[in-house]
Amino acid sequence: MTETPEDGLVLLTTLAKASIACPPTGVPLSDIATIGRWHWGTTDSLGALDLYMFNVDRVVDQLVETGPAFVLCHYGHGVNSYGLNLLTWGGPIAVFVQHHYIGIYADPVRDLVAINSTYSRLHELLTAAAKSEEPLRWLMVWSGFRAVCGLIDLDPVRAGTPWRQVLAPVNDESALFRLVAEKVADKFFDFNRIRW
């Protein structure tokens, strides 16, 4: 995989044409490569199918074995099952989220509002988290159609505990952001002023 200076610009242009805010990338745009159509990243070890199927096992392996990565991919099958999949990070926090995006029965306004709302929350959270010098410890996971939402502590996973045993589940995305803010607020930012 080789990035070119234009790849980050293609990512920005594609998202802008779709009215999607660029999510936090964790790296300069010049470090992002085009992997395929609607698929960009700093690694090609996570395939579009892994991301679409919300394969948390593969993402956890990537983070524990190789370290943080940025991947944004739109992928799916059939007439309505399409997801916009994002893996990104800032400081001690990585994020793996999935939203509905495009499909014959999709509500494009609802989907765009949900995506842009999440990405705005992530900008606030990860910009602050990136100021921390702590190593990667937490993985936020949320899928709009896989019924997975929670926070994974990667330290026990590195010690051999399966991620499912350390997943702190929550009911929805707002609760997930509140949980993360509670865990890390004193470390680098006072999140109490934000209504997640």
N, C-alpha and C. Protein backbone atom coordinates (compact mmCIF):
# COMPACT_ATOMS: atom_id res chain seq x y z
N MET A 1 0.85 -1.18 0.00
CA MET A 1 0.00 0.00 0.00
C MET A 1 0.89 1.24 0.00
N THR A 2 0.70 2.10 -0.97
CA THR A 2 1.48 3.33 -1.06
C THR A 2 0.53 4.51 -1.21
N GLU A 3 0.69 5.46 -0.27
CA GLU A 3 -0.16 6.64 -0.36
C GLU A 3 0.47 7.66 -1.31
N THR A 4 -0.36 8.49 -1.89
CA THR A 4 0.12 9.60 -2.70
C THR A 4 -0.41 10.87 -2.07
N PRO A 5 0.21 12.01 -2.33
CA PRO A 5 -0.28 13.25 -1.74
C PRO A 5 -1.73 13.56 -2.08
N GLU A 6 -2.22 13.00 -3.18
CA GLU A 6 -3.59 13.28 -3.61
C GLU A 6 -4.63 12.45 -2.87
N ASP A 7 -4.23 11.34 -2.23
CA ASP A 7 -5.20 10.44 -1.62
C ASP A 7 -6.03 11.13 -0.53
N GLY A 8 -5.39 11.91 0.31
CA GLY A 8 -6.12 12.64 1.34
C GLY A 8 -7.09 13.63 0.74
N LEU A 9 -6.69 14.26 -0.36
CA LEU A 9 -7.57 15.20 -1.05
C LEU A 9 -8.77 14.48 -1.66
N VAL A 10 -8.55 13.29 -2.22
CA VAL A 10 -9.65 12.50 -2.77
C VAL A 10 -10.63 12.14 -1.65
N LEU A 11 -10.13 11.76 -0.49
CA LEU A 11 -10.99 11.48 0.65
C LEU A 11 -11.83 12.69 1.00
N LEU A 12 -11.21 13.85 1.16
CA LEU A 12 -11.95 15.07 1.51
C LEU A 12 -12.98 15.43 0.46
N THR A 13 -12.60 15.35 -0.80
CA THR A 13 -13.50 15.71 -1.89
C THR A 13 -14.70 14.76 -1.95
N THR A 14 -14.43 13.47 -1.82
CA THR A 14 -15.52 12.48 -1.86
C THR A 14 -16.51 12.72 -0.73
N LEU A 15 -16.00 12.94 0.47
CA LEU A 15 -16.89 13.18 1.61
C LEU A 15 -17.66 14.49 1.43
N ALA A 16 -16.99 15.53 0.95
CA ALA A 16 -17.66 16.82 0.76
C ALA A 16 -18.80 16.70 -0.24
N LYS A 17 -18.58 15.98 -1.33
CA LYS A 17 -19.64 15.79 -2.34
C LYS A 17 -20.83 15.03 -1.76
N ALA A 18 -20.57 14.18 -0.76
CA ALA A 18 -21.63 13.40 -0.13
C ALA A 18 -22.23 14.11 1.09
N SER A 19 -21.76 15.33 1.37
CA SER A 19 -22.20 16.11 2.54
C SER A 19 -21.87 15.43 3.87
N ILE A 20 -20.75 14.73 3.90
CA ILE A 20 -20.28 14.06 5.11
C ILE A 20 -19.06 14.80 5.62
N ALA A 21 -19.07 15.12 6.91
CA ALA A 21 -17.91 15.76 7.53
C ALA A 21 -16.75 14.76 7.57
N CYS A 22 -15.56 15.27 7.37
CA CYS A 22 -14.39 14.39 7.47
C CYS A 22 -14.20 14.02 8.94
N PRO A 23 -14.10 12.74 9.26
CA PRO A 23 -13.88 12.35 10.64
C PRO A 23 -12.44 12.66 11.06
N PRO A 24 -12.16 12.64 12.36
CA PRO A 24 -10.78 12.77 12.77
C PRO A 24 -9.98 11.58 12.26
N THR A 25 -8.80 11.84 11.76
CA THR A 25 -8.02 10.78 11.12
C THR A 25 -6.88 10.25 11.99
N GLY A 26 -6.45 11.02 12.97
CA GLY A 26 -5.34 10.59 13.81
C GLY A 26 -3.98 10.75 13.16
N VAL A 27 -3.96 11.03 11.88
CA VAL A 27 -2.72 11.22 11.13
C VAL A 27 -2.92 12.34 10.12
N PRO A 28 -1.83 12.91 9.61
CA PRO A 28 -2.00 13.89 8.52
C PRO A 28 -2.64 13.23 7.30
N LEU A 29 -3.40 14.00 6.55
CA LEU A 29 -4.04 13.46 5.34
C LEU A 29 -3.03 12.86 4.38
N SER A 30 -1.81 13.38 4.38
CA SER A 30 -0.78 12.86 3.47
C SER A 30 -0.37 11.43 3.80
N ASP A 31 -0.72 10.93 4.99
CA ASP A 31 -0.40 9.56 5.38
C ASP A 31 -1.49 8.56 5.03
N ILE A 32 -2.57 9.04 4.42
CA ILE A 32 -3.71 8.19 4.11
C ILE A 32 -3.65 7.76 2.65
N ALA A 33 -3.83 6.48 2.42
CA ALA A 33 -3.80 5.93 1.06
C ALA A 33 -5.21 5.55 0.62
N THR A 34 -5.45 5.61 -0.68
CA THR A 34 -6.68 5.08 -1.25
C THR A 34 -6.50 3.58 -1.43
N ILE A 35 -7.38 2.80 -0.79
CA ILE A 35 -7.29 1.35 -0.85
C ILE A 35 -8.22 0.81 -1.93
N GLY A 36 -9.33 1.48 -2.12
CA GLY A 36 -10.32 1.08 -3.12
C GLY A 36 -11.36 2.17 -3.23
N ARG A 37 -12.41 1.89 -3.99
CA ARG A 37 -13.48 2.87 -4.13
C ARG A 37 -14.15 3.07 -2.78
N TRP A 38 -14.24 4.30 -2.31
CA TRP A 38 -14.81 4.63 -1.00
C TRP A 38 -14.10 3.85 0.12
N HIS A 39 -12.79 3.71 0.01
CA HIS A 39 -12.01 2.97 1.02
C HIS A 39 -10.63 3.60 1.13
N TRP A 40 -10.35 4.20 2.29
CA TRP A 40 -9.08 4.87 2.54
C TRP A 40 -8.52 4.40 3.87
N GLY A 41 -7.22 4.52 4.04
CA GLY A 41 -6.66 4.17 5.34
C GLY A 41 -5.16 4.25 5.42
N THR A 42 -4.68 3.97 6.63
CA THR A 42 -3.25 3.89 6.88
C THR A 42 -2.79 2.44 6.88
N THR A 43 -3.74 1.52 6.73
CA THR A 43 -3.43 0.10 6.63
C THR A 43 -4.43 -0.56 5.69
N ASP A 44 -3.98 -1.58 4.98
CA ASP A 44 -4.92 -2.36 4.17
C ASP A 44 -5.14 -3.74 4.78
N SER A 45 -4.73 -3.91 6.04
CA SER A 45 -4.90 -5.21 6.70
C SER A 45 -6.33 -5.45 7.16
N LEU A 46 -7.15 -4.39 7.19
CA LEU A 46 -8.56 -4.53 7.52
C LEU A 46 -9.36 -4.35 6.25
N GLY A 47 -9.89 -5.44 5.74
CA GLY A 47 -10.62 -5.39 4.49
C GLY A 47 -12.02 -4.80 4.64
N ALA A 48 -12.59 -4.43 3.53
CA ALA A 48 -13.92 -3.84 3.53
C ALA A 48 -14.95 -4.78 4.15
N LEU A 49 -14.84 -6.07 3.90
CA LEU A 49 -15.80 -7.03 4.46
C LEU A 49 -15.66 -7.10 5.98
N ASP A 50 -14.43 -7.11 6.49
CA ASP A 50 -14.22 -7.10 7.94
C ASP A 50 -14.89 -5.89 8.58
N LEU A 51 -14.73 -4.75 7.96
CA LEU A 51 -15.31 -3.52 8.50
C LEU A 51 -16.83 -3.56 8.41
N TYR A 52 -17.34 -3.96 7.27
CA TYR A 52 -18.79 -4.02 7.07
C TYR A 52 -19.45 -5.01 8.04
N MET A 53 -18.83 -6.16 8.25
CA MET A 53 -19.38 -7.16 9.16
C MET A 53 -19.13 -6.80 10.62
N PHE A 54 -18.52 -5.66 10.84
CA PHE A 54 -18.20 -5.15 12.17
C PHE A 54 -17.42 -6.19 12.96
N ASN A 55 -16.32 -6.61 12.35
CA ASN A 55 -15.47 -7.65 12.91
C ASN A 55 -14.57 -7.04 14.00
N VAL A 56 -15.11 -6.97 15.21
CA VAL A 56 -14.37 -6.37 16.32
C VAL A 56 -13.12 -7.18 16.61
N ASP A 57 -13.16 -8.51 16.44
CA ASP A 57 -11.98 -9.34 16.65
C ASP A 57 -10.80 -8.86 15.82
N ARG A 58 -11.04 -8.62 14.55
CA ARG A 58 -9.96 -8.18 13.64
C ARG A 58 -9.45 -6.79 14.03
N VAL A 59 -10.36 -5.91 14.42
CA VAL A 59 -9.96 -4.55 14.81
C VAL A 59 -9.14 -4.60 16.10
N VAL A 60 -9.59 -5.38 17.07
CA VAL A 60 -8.83 -5.52 18.32
C VAL A 60 -7.45 -6.08 18.03
N ASP A 61 -7.37 -7.12 17.18
CA ASP A 61 -6.06 -7.67 16.81
C ASP A 61 -5.16 -6.60 16.20
N GLN A 62 -5.71 -5.80 15.30
CA GLN A 62 -4.95 -4.72 14.66
C GLN A 62 -4.40 -3.77 15.72
N LEU A 63 -5.25 -3.34 16.62
CA LEU A 63 -4.83 -2.36 17.62
C LEU A 63 -3.80 -2.93 18.59
N VAL A 64 -3.99 -4.17 19.03
CA VAL A 64 -3.09 -4.78 20.01
C VAL A 64 -1.76 -5.17 19.37
N GLU A 65 -1.81 -5.72 18.17
CA GLU A 65 -0.59 -6.24 17.54
C GLU A 65 0.20 -5.18 16.77
N THR A 66 -0.51 -4.25 16.14
CA THR A 66 0.15 -3.30 15.24
C THR A 66 0.06 -1.87 15.73
N GLY A 67 -0.98 -1.53 16.46
CA GLY A 67 -1.16 -0.17 16.94
C GLY A 67 -2.30 0.52 16.22
N PRO A 68 -2.51 1.80 16.55
CA PRO A 68 -3.65 2.53 15.99
C PRO A 68 -3.59 2.63 14.47
N ALA A 69 -4.77 2.78 13.89
CA ALA A 69 -4.88 2.91 12.44
C ALA A 69 -6.10 3.76 12.12
N PHE A 70 -6.10 4.33 10.93
CA PHE A 70 -7.27 5.02 10.40
C PHE A 70 -7.75 4.25 9.19
N VAL A 71 -9.04 3.94 9.15
CA VAL A 71 -9.66 3.34 7.98
C VAL A 71 -11.08 3.88 7.88
N LEU A 72 -11.46 4.32 6.69
CA LEU A 72 -12.84 4.73 6.41
C LEU A 72 -13.27 4.01 5.15
N CYS A 73 -14.41 3.32 5.24
CA CYS A 73 -14.83 2.48 4.13
C CYS A 73 -16.35 2.44 4.04
N HIS A 74 -16.88 2.56 2.85
CA HIS A 74 -18.30 2.35 2.60
C HIS A 74 -18.43 1.04 1.86
N TYR A 75 -19.23 0.13 2.42
CA TYR A 75 -19.32 -1.20 1.83
C TYR A 75 -20.63 -1.86 2.26
N GLY A 76 -21.09 -2.83 1.49
CA GLY A 76 -22.29 -3.58 1.85
C GLY A 76 -22.67 -4.53 0.74
N HIS A 77 -23.88 -5.06 0.88
CA HIS A 77 -24.39 -5.98 -0.14
C HIS A 77 -25.90 -5.85 -0.19
N GLY A 78 -26.51 -6.38 -1.21
CA GLY A 78 -27.96 -6.30 -1.34
C GLY A 78 -28.39 -4.89 -1.73
N VAL A 79 -29.66 -4.61 -1.52
CA VAL A 79 -30.19 -3.31 -1.92
C VAL A 79 -30.24 -2.30 -0.79
N ASN A 80 -30.10 -2.76 0.47
CA ASN A 80 -30.22 -1.81 1.57
C ASN A 80 -29.13 -1.94 2.62
N SER A 81 -28.32 -2.95 2.58
CA SER A 81 -27.36 -3.20 3.65
C SER A 81 -26.00 -2.58 3.33
N TYR A 82 -25.91 -1.29 3.57
CA TYR A 82 -24.64 -0.61 3.33
C TYR A 82 -24.23 0.15 4.57
N GLY A 83 -22.96 0.06 4.91
CA GLY A 83 -22.46 0.75 6.09
C GLY A 83 -21.29 1.65 5.76
N LEU A 84 -21.22 2.77 6.47
CA LEU A 84 -20.05 3.63 6.45
C LEU A 84 -19.29 3.29 7.72
N ASN A 85 -18.10 2.75 7.56
CA ASN A 85 -17.35 2.15 8.65
C ASN A 85 -16.10 2.98 8.92
N LEU A 86 -15.85 3.28 10.19
CA LEU A 86 -14.72 4.13 10.56
C LEU A 86 -13.95 3.51 11.70
N LEU A 87 -12.63 3.44 11.54
CA LEU A 87 -11.70 3.14 12.62
C LEU A 87 -10.75 4.31 12.69
N THR A 88 -10.63 4.92 13.86
CA THR A 88 -9.72 6.05 14.03
C THR A 88 -9.28 6.10 15.48
N TRP A 89 -8.47 7.10 15.82
CA TRP A 89 -8.01 7.20 17.19
C TRP A 89 -7.48 8.59 17.49
N GLY A 90 -7.27 8.83 18.79
CA GLY A 90 -6.60 10.01 19.31
C GLY A 90 -6.09 9.68 20.69
N GLY A 91 -4.79 9.78 20.91
CA GLY A 91 -4.22 9.48 22.22
C GLY A 91 -4.55 8.06 22.66
N PRO A 92 -5.13 7.91 23.87
CA PRO A 92 -5.40 6.57 24.40
C PRO A 92 -6.71 5.95 23.93
N ILE A 93 -7.42 6.62 23.02
CA ILE A 93 -8.75 6.17 22.61
C ILE A 93 -8.79 5.85 21.12
N ALA A 94 -9.24 4.63 20.81
CA ALA A 94 -9.54 4.25 19.43
C ALA A 94 -11.05 4.11 19.31
N VAL A 95 -11.55 4.24 18.10
CA VAL A 95 -12.99 4.23 17.86
C VAL A 95 -13.28 3.40 16.62
N PHE A 96 -14.23 2.48 16.74
CA PHE A 96 -14.71 1.70 15.61
C PHE A 96 -16.21 1.88 15.56
N VAL A 97 -16.71 2.63 14.57
CA VAL A 97 -18.14 2.92 14.47
C VAL A 97 -18.65 2.60 13.07
N GLN A 98 -19.95 2.31 13.02
CA GLN A 98 -20.59 1.95 11.76
C GLN A 98 -21.96 2.60 11.69
N HIS A 99 -22.24 3.24 10.57
CA HIS A 99 -23.54 3.87 10.34
C HIS A 99 -24.17 3.31 9.07
N HIS A 100 -25.50 3.30 9.06
CA HIS A 100 -26.20 3.07 7.79
C HIS A 100 -25.82 4.21 6.85
N TYR A 101 -25.60 3.87 5.60
CA TYR A 101 -25.39 4.93 4.61
C TYR A 101 -25.70 4.38 3.23
N ILE A 102 -26.71 4.90 2.62
CA ILE A 102 -27.19 4.56 1.28
C ILE A 102 -27.86 3.19 1.29
N GLY A 103 -28.81 3.03 0.49
CA GLY A 103 -29.59 1.80 0.38
C GLY A 103 -30.98 2.17 -0.08
N ILE A 104 -31.66 1.24 -0.69
CA ILE A 104 -32.95 1.54 -1.30
C ILE A 104 -33.98 2.01 -0.27
N TYR A 105 -33.89 1.54 0.97
CA TYR A 105 -34.85 1.94 2.00
C TYR A 105 -34.28 2.96 2.98
N ALA A 106 -33.10 3.47 2.69
CA ALA A 106 -32.44 4.39 3.61
C ALA A 106 -33.13 5.75 3.64
N ASP A 107 -32.99 6.41 4.74
CA ASP A 107 -33.42 7.81 4.88
C ASP A 107 -32.14 8.63 4.84
N PRO A 108 -31.81 9.23 3.69
CA PRO A 108 -30.51 9.89 3.56
C PRO A 108 -30.31 11.05 4.52
N VAL A 109 -31.36 11.76 4.87
CA VAL A 109 -31.21 12.87 5.81
C VAL A 109 -30.89 12.33 7.20
N ARG A 110 -31.65 11.35 7.65
CA ARG A 110 -31.38 10.74 8.96
C ARG A 110 -29.97 10.17 9.02
N ASP A 111 -29.56 9.48 7.95
CA ASP A 111 -28.22 8.89 7.94
C ASP A 111 -27.13 9.95 8.01
N LEU A 112 -27.27 11.02 7.23
CA LEU A 112 -26.25 12.08 7.25
C LEU A 112 -26.19 12.79 8.59
N VAL A 113 -27.35 13.04 9.19
CA VAL A 113 -27.37 13.68 10.51
C VAL A 113 -26.66 12.79 11.52
N ALA A 114 -26.94 11.50 11.49
CA ALA A 114 -26.31 10.57 12.44
C ALA A 114 -24.80 10.51 12.23
N ILE A 115 -24.37 10.39 10.99
CA ILE A 115 -22.93 10.31 10.70
C ILE A 115 -22.23 11.59 11.13
N ASN A 116 -22.75 12.73 10.71
CA ASN A 116 -22.09 14.00 11.02
C ASN A 116 -22.13 14.31 12.51
N SER A 117 -23.17 13.89 13.20
CA SER A 117 -23.23 14.07 14.65
C SER A 117 -22.13 13.25 15.33
N THR A 118 -22.00 12.00 14.94
CA THR A 118 -20.95 11.16 15.52
C THR A 118 -19.57 11.73 15.23
N TYR A 119 -19.34 12.12 13.99
CA TYR A 119 -18.01 12.63 13.64
C TYR A 119 -17.70 13.93 14.38
N SER A 120 -18.72 14.76 14.62
CA SER A 120 -18.51 15.98 15.41
C SER A 120 -18.14 15.64 16.85
N ARG A 121 -18.85 14.69 17.43
CA ARG A 121 -18.51 14.23 18.79
C ARG A 121 -17.08 13.70 18.83
N LEU A 122 -16.73 12.92 17.82
CA LEU A 122 -15.38 12.36 17.78
C LEU A 122 -14.32 13.43 17.66
N HIS A 123 -14.58 14.47 16.89
CA HIS A 123 -13.60 15.56 16.79
C HIS A 123 -13.33 16.16 18.16
N GLU A 124 -14.39 16.43 18.93
CA GLU A 124 -14.21 16.99 20.27
C GLU A 124 -13.43 16.04 21.17
N LEU A 125 -13.86 14.79 21.20
CA LEU A 125 -13.24 13.81 22.08
C LEU A 125 -11.79 13.52 21.70
N LEU A 126 -11.56 13.22 20.43
CA LEU A 126 -10.23 12.76 20.02
C LEU A 126 -9.23 13.90 19.91
N THR A 127 -9.68 15.11 19.62
CA THR A 127 -8.75 16.25 19.63
C THR A 127 -8.20 16.45 21.04
N ALA A 128 -9.08 16.35 22.02
CA ALA A 128 -8.63 16.47 23.41
C ALA A 128 -7.77 15.28 23.81
N ALA A 129 -8.19 14.08 23.43
CA ALA A 129 -7.46 12.87 23.80
C ALA A 129 -6.06 12.85 23.19
N ALA A 130 -5.91 13.41 22.01
CA ALA A 130 -4.61 13.41 21.34
C ALA A 130 -3.56 14.20 22.12
N LYS A 131 -4.00 15.06 23.02
CA LYS A 131 -3.05 15.82 23.85
C LYS A 131 -2.42 14.96 24.93
N SER A 132 -3.02 13.83 25.21
CA SER A 132 -2.49 12.93 26.22
C SER A 132 -1.30 12.15 25.66
N GLU A 133 -0.35 11.87 26.52
CA GLU A 133 0.80 11.06 26.10
C GLU A 133 0.62 9.60 26.49
N GLU A 134 -0.56 9.26 26.96
CA GLU A 134 -0.82 7.88 27.35
C GLU A 134 -0.91 6.99 26.11
N PRO A 135 -0.50 5.73 26.25
CA PRO A 135 -0.62 4.81 25.11
C PRO A 135 -2.08 4.42 24.88
N LEU A 136 -2.33 3.85 23.74
CA LEU A 136 -3.67 3.40 23.38
C LEU A 136 -4.18 2.40 24.42
N ARG A 137 -5.35 2.69 24.99
CA ARG A 137 -5.91 1.81 26.01
C ARG A 137 -7.36 1.44 25.76
N TRP A 138 -8.15 2.33 25.20
CA TRP A 138 -9.59 2.14 25.10
C TRP A 138 -10.03 1.99 23.65
N LEU A 139 -11.02 1.16 23.42
CA LEU A 139 -11.65 1.04 22.11
C LEU A 139 -13.15 1.23 22.27
N MET A 140 -13.67 2.29 21.66
CA MET A 140 -15.10 2.52 21.62
C MET A 140 -15.65 1.77 20.41
N VAL A 141 -16.72 1.00 20.60
CA VAL A 141 -17.34 0.29 19.49
C VAL A 141 -18.83 0.62 19.47
N TRP A 142 -19.32 0.93 18.28
CA TRP A 142 -20.75 1.21 18.12
C TRP A 142 -21.13 0.96 16.67
N SER A 143 -22.20 0.19 16.49
CA SER A 143 -22.72 -0.06 15.15
C SER A 143 -24.20 0.25 15.13
N GLY A 144 -24.62 1.00 14.14
CA GLY A 144 -26.03 1.34 13.98
C GLY A 144 -26.90 0.17 13.60
N PHE A 145 -26.30 -0.94 13.14
CA PHE A 145 -27.14 -2.08 12.78
C PHE A 145 -26.56 -3.43 13.16
N ARG A 146 -25.60 -3.46 14.07
CA ARG A 146 -25.03 -4.73 14.54
C ARG A 146 -25.31 -4.97 16.03
N ALA A 147 -26.03 -4.07 16.68
CA ALA A 147 -26.38 -4.21 18.10
C ALA A 147 -25.15 -4.39 18.98
N VAL A 148 -24.10 -3.61 18.69
CA VAL A 148 -22.90 -3.61 19.51
C VAL A 148 -22.64 -2.17 19.91
N CYS A 149 -22.51 -1.93 21.22
CA CYS A 149 -22.22 -0.59 21.70
C CYS A 149 -21.54 -0.71 23.06
N GLY A 150 -20.30 -0.23 23.16
CA GLY A 150 -19.63 -0.31 24.45
C GLY A 150 -18.18 0.14 24.37
N LEU A 151 -17.51 -0.03 25.49
CA LEU A 151 -16.12 0.39 25.64
C LEU A 151 -15.28 -0.82 26.04
N ILE A 152 -14.19 -1.02 25.33
CA ILE A 152 -13.29 -2.14 25.58
C ILE A 152 -11.99 -1.60 26.16
N ASP A 153 -11.59 -2.15 27.31
CA ASP A 153 -10.29 -1.84 27.90
C ASP A 153 -9.27 -2.78 27.26
N LEU A 154 -8.34 -2.22 26.49
CA LEU A 154 -7.39 -3.04 25.76
C LEU A 154 -6.27 -3.60 26.63
N ASP A 155 -6.05 -3.05 27.82
CA ASP A 155 -4.98 -3.57 28.68
C ASP A 155 -5.21 -5.04 29.05
N PRO A 156 -6.40 -5.43 29.55
CA PRO A 156 -6.61 -6.86 29.81
C PRO A 156 -6.57 -7.71 28.55
N VAL A 157 -6.98 -7.14 27.42
CA VAL A 157 -6.92 -7.88 26.16
C VAL A 157 -5.47 -8.20 25.82
N ARG A 158 -4.58 -7.24 26.01
CA ARG A 158 -3.16 -7.49 25.75
C ARG A 158 -2.62 -8.59 26.66
N ALA A 159 -3.22 -8.74 27.84
CA ALA A 159 -2.79 -9.77 28.79
C ALA A 159 -3.46 -11.11 28.53
N GLY A 160 -4.31 -11.19 27.50
CA GLY A 160 -4.90 -12.46 27.11
C GLY A 160 -6.38 -12.63 27.36
N THR A 161 -7.05 -11.64 27.95
CA THR A 161 -8.49 -11.73 28.19
C THR A 161 -9.25 -11.42 26.90
N PRO A 162 -10.20 -12.25 26.51
CA PRO A 162 -10.99 -11.95 25.31
C PRO A 162 -11.74 -10.63 25.48
N TRP A 163 -11.84 -9.88 24.39
CA TRP A 163 -12.44 -8.54 24.47
C TRP A 163 -13.89 -8.58 24.94
N ARG A 164 -14.61 -9.64 24.61
CA ARG A 164 -16.01 -9.72 25.01
C ARG A 164 -16.17 -9.74 26.53
N GLN A 165 -15.14 -10.25 27.23
CA GLN A 165 -15.20 -10.32 28.69
C GLN A 165 -14.92 -8.96 29.35
N VAL A 166 -14.32 -8.05 28.62
CA VAL A 166 -14.01 -6.73 29.21
C VAL A 166 -14.82 -5.61 28.55
N LEU A 167 -15.74 -5.96 27.67
CA LEU A 167 -16.60 -4.96 27.05
C LEU A 167 -17.56 -4.40 28.11
N ALA A 168 -17.55 -3.08 28.27
CA ALA A 168 -18.52 -2.41 29.13
C ALA A 168 -19.65 -1.96 28.21
N PRO A 169 -20.76 -2.71 28.17
CA PRO A 169 -21.83 -2.37 27.23
C PRO A 169 -22.65 -1.18 27.71
N VAL A 170 -23.14 -0.41 26.75
CA VAL A 170 -24.08 0.69 27.03
C VAL A 170 -25.21 0.60 26.00
N ASN A 171 -26.25 1.40 26.22
CA ASN A 171 -27.45 1.29 25.39
C ASN A 171 -27.38 2.05 24.08
N ASP A 172 -26.64 3.16 24.04
CA ASP A 172 -26.64 3.96 22.82
C ASP A 172 -25.36 4.79 22.73
N GLU A 173 -25.24 5.47 21.61
CA GLU A 173 -24.03 6.23 21.33
C GLU A 173 -23.78 7.34 22.36
N SER A 174 -24.82 8.06 22.74
CA SER A 174 -24.65 9.13 23.74
C SER A 174 -24.11 8.56 25.05
N ALA A 175 -24.66 7.43 25.48
CA ALA A 175 -24.19 6.79 26.71
C ALA A 175 -22.73 6.35 26.57
N LEU A 176 -22.33 5.93 25.38
CA LEU A 176 -20.95 5.53 25.14
C LEU A 176 -20.01 6.72 25.31
N PHE A 177 -20.37 7.85 24.73
CA PHE A 177 -19.53 9.04 24.88
C PHE A 177 -19.47 9.49 26.33
N ARG A 178 -20.59 9.41 27.04
CA ARG A 178 -20.59 9.78 28.47
C ARG A 178 -19.69 8.85 29.27
N LEU A 179 -19.73 7.55 28.97
CA LEU A 179 -18.88 6.60 29.67
C LEU A 179 -17.40 6.90 29.44
N VAL A 180 -17.04 7.18 28.21
CA VAL A 180 -15.64 7.51 27.91
C VAL A 180 -15.24 8.79 28.63
N ALA A 181 -16.12 9.79 28.61
CA ALA A 181 -15.81 11.04 29.29
C ALA A 181 -15.59 10.82 30.78
N GLU A 182 -16.37 9.94 31.39
CA GLU A 182 -16.18 9.63 32.81
C GLU A 182 -14.84 8.95 33.06
N LYS A 183 -14.44 8.07 32.16
CA LYS A 183 -13.20 7.31 32.34
C LYS A 183 -11.96 8.17 32.17
N VAL A 184 -12.02 9.15 31.27
CA VAL A 184 -10.80 9.87 30.91
C VAL A 184 -10.84 11.36 31.17
N ALA A 185 -11.95 11.90 31.65
CA ALA A 185 -12.12 13.35 31.76
C ALA A 185 -11.02 14.03 32.56
N ASP A 186 -10.66 13.47 33.69
CA ASP A 186 -9.67 14.11 34.55
C ASP A 186 -8.27 14.08 33.94
N LYS A 187 -8.08 13.26 32.96
CA LYS A 187 -6.74 13.09 32.41
C LYS A 187 -6.34 14.19 31.43
N PHE A 188 -7.28 14.67 30.62
CA PHE A 188 -6.86 15.66 29.63
C PHE A 188 -7.91 16.69 29.26
N PHE A 189 -9.13 16.57 29.75
CA PHE A 189 -10.15 17.54 29.33
C PHE A 189 -11.37 17.40 30.21
N ASP A 190 -12.01 18.50 30.51
CA ASP A 190 -13.24 18.47 31.28
C ASP A 190 -14.41 18.39 30.31
N PHE A 191 -14.98 17.19 30.18
CA PHE A 191 -16.07 16.97 29.24
C PHE A 191 -17.44 17.29 29.84
N ASN A 192 -17.48 17.72 31.10
CA ASN A 192 -18.76 17.97 31.74
C ASN A 192 -19.56 19.06 31.06
N ARG A 193 -18.91 19.94 30.30
CA ARG A 193 -19.63 21.02 29.63
C ARG A 193 -20.31 20.57 28.35
N ILE A 194 -20.03 19.34 27.92
CA ILE A 194 -20.59 18.84 26.66
C ILE A 194 -21.80 17.95 26.97
N ARG A 195 -22.88 18.17 26.26
CA ARG A 195 -24.06 17.30 26.36
C ARG A 195 -23.96 16.26 25.26
N TRP A 196 -23.43 15.11 25.60
CA TRP A 196 -23.21 14.07 24.62
C TRP A 196 -24.52 13.54 24.11
